[in-house]
Every structure is written in C-alpha cells, then in structure tokens.
Amino acid sequence: MILTQILQPTCIKAPLATRHKEDAIEELINLLADNGQLDGRGEALEAVLAREQTRSTGIGSGIAIPHGKCTAAKELVMAIGIAAEPIEFDSIDNKPVSILLLLVSPPDQTGPHIQALARISRLMLDEQFKSQLEKAASPEEVYDLVSTKEAE
C-alpha cells in the first residue's frame, strides 16, 4: 500500500486550527467531506469517535491514527493533520500528539484499512521523517514529505 494513492494533497491540514482531540478529529473529517471524499460527515465522525471511545488511537511518540469504518466512505480515504501545539490524546505513552493520520473506510473493506494502518506504523518508525512531519508548516510540505518517503 502506498499512502499517496489514498491521500489527496487537499486532505492535509497543517497546522490544525484546534488544540482538542475531538475537534481535531472533526476538523479532519470535515476536510475529507469538503473534498468529496465522504458522503456523510456526521456518520464518519460518529464512527471515528466511537472507535476512539473503545481505546485511544494515540499510539505514542506524538502520533495518533484515528480511524473508523462507515458507509459514508465508498473507499478508504485519509487525512493528515499537524498540530501547531501538541494535543492531549490519551495516548498509550500519556504524551500529547502532533501528528494525526485519519483513516475512514467502508465496513466491507478490511484489507486496505489494515494495510494502511500497517504502512503508517512502519513510516512513523523513521524518527527523522516523523520529526520533519512535526515541523511541516503547510499541507504541500506534508504531502511532499510523504511522497518522497514513499518513493524510497
């Protein structure tokens, strides 16, 4: 799975406008909906927040991968948000997050969803890449970083 196949440059927000977990998720859902990636922003937001209530998607090291499945997505879609100020996310390491990678997929497409989660996890192991993402000041910079990393 190559993330730039599911990530559109217009679905990146850097910096995020908010400093709160639920608002940041909603900001990314709205970005997807505004760019025609979702049929229903309310359904998608509800799915992601319901998943978040099960267990935080703050995976540690300043990264969160909020995700959910719902019929508002016709295919796997992705949005990225870079927080100007770290956001408290109830992460497993109890540290706030700066990088949010949101995934929404249809309920019947588990394979691509799992592949994307695995790909994101692998990319985020690269500390230099993660540090560059945290410092990215624009959506274009984020997309270029992801594209360059994917081409390696």
Protein backbone atom coordinates (compact mmCIF):
# COMPACT_ATOMS: atom_id res chain seq x y z
CA MET A 1 0.00 0.00 0.00
CA ILE A 2 1.27 3.43 -1.00
CA LEU A 3 -0.32 6.17 1.09
CA THR A 4 -0.25 8.77 -1.67
CA GLN A 5 -2.74 6.53 -3.52
CA ILE A 6 -5.33 7.32 -0.84
CA LEU A 7 -4.10 10.72 0.38
CA GLN A 8 -5.03 13.80 -1.61
CA PRO A 9 -2.98 16.98 -1.06
CA THR A 10 -6.24 18.83 -0.31
CA CYS A 11 -6.90 16.47 2.63
CA ILE A 12 -3.99 17.74 4.71
CA LYS A 13 -4.27 20.43 7.37
CA ALA A 14 -1.03 21.98 8.62
CA PRO A 15 -1.41 23.46 11.09
CA LEU A 16 -4.66 22.25 12.63
CA ALA A 17 -6.85 25.06 13.95
CA THR A 18 -7.74 23.34 17.23
CA ARG A 19 -5.97 22.02 20.29
CA HIS A 20 -8.61 19.48 21.36
CA LYS A 21 -8.83 15.81 20.44
CA GLU A 22 -12.46 15.58 19.28
CA ASP A 23 -12.25 18.93 17.47
CA ALA A 24 -9.09 17.83 15.65
CA ILE A 25 -10.81 14.63 14.50
CA GLU A 26 -13.82 16.66 13.37
CA GLU A 27 -11.55 19.10 11.53
CA LEU A 28 -10.03 16.22 9.54
CA ILE A 29 -13.45 14.63 8.87
CA ASN A 30 -14.68 17.99 7.58
CA LEU A 31 -11.64 18.23 5.33
CA LEU A 32 -12.46 14.84 3.80
CA ALA A 33 -16.13 15.75 3.39
CA ASP A 34 -15.36 19.17 1.90
CA ASN A 35 -13.14 17.46 -0.67
CA GLY A 36 -15.82 14.98 -1.74
CA GLN A 37 -14.24 12.01 0.00
CA LEU A 38 -17.23 11.24 2.26
CA ASP A 39 -20.97 11.09 1.67
CA GLY A 40 -21.83 11.89 5.28
CA ARG A 41 -19.57 13.77 7.66
CA GLY A 42 -21.79 13.06 10.68
CA GLU A 43 -21.72 9.31 10.14
CA ALA A 44 -17.95 9.32 9.62
CA LEU A 45 -17.34 11.46 12.71
CA GLU A 46 -19.56 9.18 14.78
CA ALA A 47 -17.68 6.07 13.55
CA VAL A 48 -14.25 7.52 14.34
CA LEU A 49 -15.28 8.86 17.75
CA ALA A 50 -16.96 5.52 18.62
CA ARG A 51 -13.71 3.73 17.78
CA GLU A 52 -11.81 6.27 19.88
CA GLN A 53 -14.04 5.53 22.89
CA THR A 54 -13.12 1.85 22.66
CA ARG A 55 -9.42 2.64 23.01
CA SER A 56 -7.36 5.70 22.18
CA THR A 57 -5.67 5.66 18.79
CA GLY A 58 -2.82 7.71 20.22
CA ILE A 59 -0.10 5.15 19.53
CA GLY A 60 2.66 7.04 21.33
CA SER A 61 5.65 9.13 20.27
CA GLY A 62 3.40 12.06 19.34
CA ILE A 63 1.33 10.11 16.80
CA ALA A 64 -2.38 9.30 16.60
CA ILE A 65 -4.14 7.26 13.93
CA PRO A 66 -7.85 7.87 14.49
CA HIS A 67 -9.87 5.62 12.23
CA GLY A 68 -13.30 4.21 11.67
CA LYS A 69 -15.50 2.27 9.28
CA CYS A 70 -18.79 3.52 7.91
CA THR A 71 -20.90 3.63 4.77
CA ALA A 72 -20.12 7.35 4.32
CA ALA A 73 -16.83 6.20 2.74
CA LYS A 74 -17.06 4.45 -0.61
CA GLU A 75 -13.36 3.58 -0.44
CA LEU A 76 -10.51 4.01 2.00
CA VAL A 77 -9.75 7.71 2.49
CA MET A 78 -7.10 9.51 4.51
CA ALA A 79 -6.46 12.94 6.00
CA ILE A 80 -3.41 14.21 7.86
CA GLY A 81 -3.29 16.95 10.45
CA ILE A 82 -0.23 18.52 12.01
CA ALA A 83 -0.89 20.23 15.33
CA ALA A 84 0.78 23.59 15.95
CA GLU A 85 0.65 22.78 19.67
CA PRO A 86 0.58 19.14 20.84
CA ILE A 87 -2.92 17.81 21.56
CA GLU A 88 -3.80 15.71 24.61
CA PHE A 89 -4.99 12.42 23.10
CA ASP A 90 -4.99 9.86 25.94
CA SER A 91 -2.10 8.16 24.15
CA ILE A 92 -0.65 4.89 25.38
CA ASP A 93 2.52 6.72 26.48
CA ASN A 94 0.47 9.53 28.13
CA LYS A 95 2.11 12.11 25.85
CA PRO A 96 0.28 14.56 23.59
CA VAL A 97 0.26 14.15 19.80
CA SER A 98 1.40 16.41 16.99
CA ILE A 99 0.73 14.14 14.01
CA LEU A 100 -2.79 12.86 13.28
CA LEU A 101 -3.34 10.43 10.44
CA LEU A 102 -7.08 9.81 9.98
CA LEU A 103 -8.45 6.84 8.04
CA VAL A 104 -12.08 6.17 7.13
CA SER A 105 -13.13 3.11 5.16
CA PRO A 106 -16.27 1.22 4.21
CA PRO A 107 -17.25 -1.58 6.62
CA ASP A 108 -16.65 -4.26 3.99
CA GLN A 109 -13.06 -3.26 3.09
CA THR A 110 -10.93 -4.51 5.94
CA GLY A 111 -7.85 -5.40 3.88
CA PRO A 112 -6.92 -1.91 2.62
CA HIS A 113 -7.72 -0.44 6.04
CA ILE A 114 -5.32 -2.82 7.80
CA GLN A 115 -2.66 -2.32 5.10
CA ALA A 116 -2.83 1.45 5.52
CA LEU A 117 -2.55 1.19 9.31
CA ALA A 118 0.50 -1.07 8.91
CA ARG A 119 2.11 1.25 6.34
CA ILE A 120 1.60 4.30 8.56
CA SER A 121 3.07 2.44 11.54
CA ARG A 122 6.16 1.47 9.53
CA LEU A 123 6.71 5.01 8.22
CA MET A 124 6.39 6.50 11.67
CA LEU A 125 9.24 4.33 12.95
CA ASP A 126 11.59 6.64 11.00
CA GLU A 127 12.41 9.32 13.58
CA GLN A 128 13.83 11.74 11.01
CA PHE A 129 10.69 11.51 8.87
CA LYS A 130 8.46 11.91 11.93
CA SER A 131 10.43 14.97 13.04
CA GLN A 132 10.12 16.54 9.59
CA LEU A 133 6.37 15.96 9.60
CA GLU A 134 6.02 17.57 13.03
CA LYS A 135 7.79 20.68 11.73
CA ALA A 136 5.89 20.88 8.43
CA ALA A 137 4.27 24.28 8.09
CA SER A 138 1.97 23.66 5.11
CA PRO A 139 -0.13 20.94 3.51
CA GLU A 140 2.19 20.98 0.49
CA GLU A 141 5.20 20.33 2.68
CA VAL A 142 3.45 17.39 4.38
CA TYR A 143 2.42 15.88 1.04
CA ASP A 144 5.93 16.31 -0.39
CA LEU A 145 7.46 14.63 2.66
CA VAL A 146 5.06 11.67 2.40
CA SER A 147 5.58 11.39 -1.38
CA THR A 148 9.37 11.47 -1.04
CA LYS A 149 9.34 8.89 1.76
CA GLU A 150 7.03 6.60 -0.22
CA ALA A 151 9.37 6.78 -3.22
CA GLU A 152 12.35 5.45 -1.22
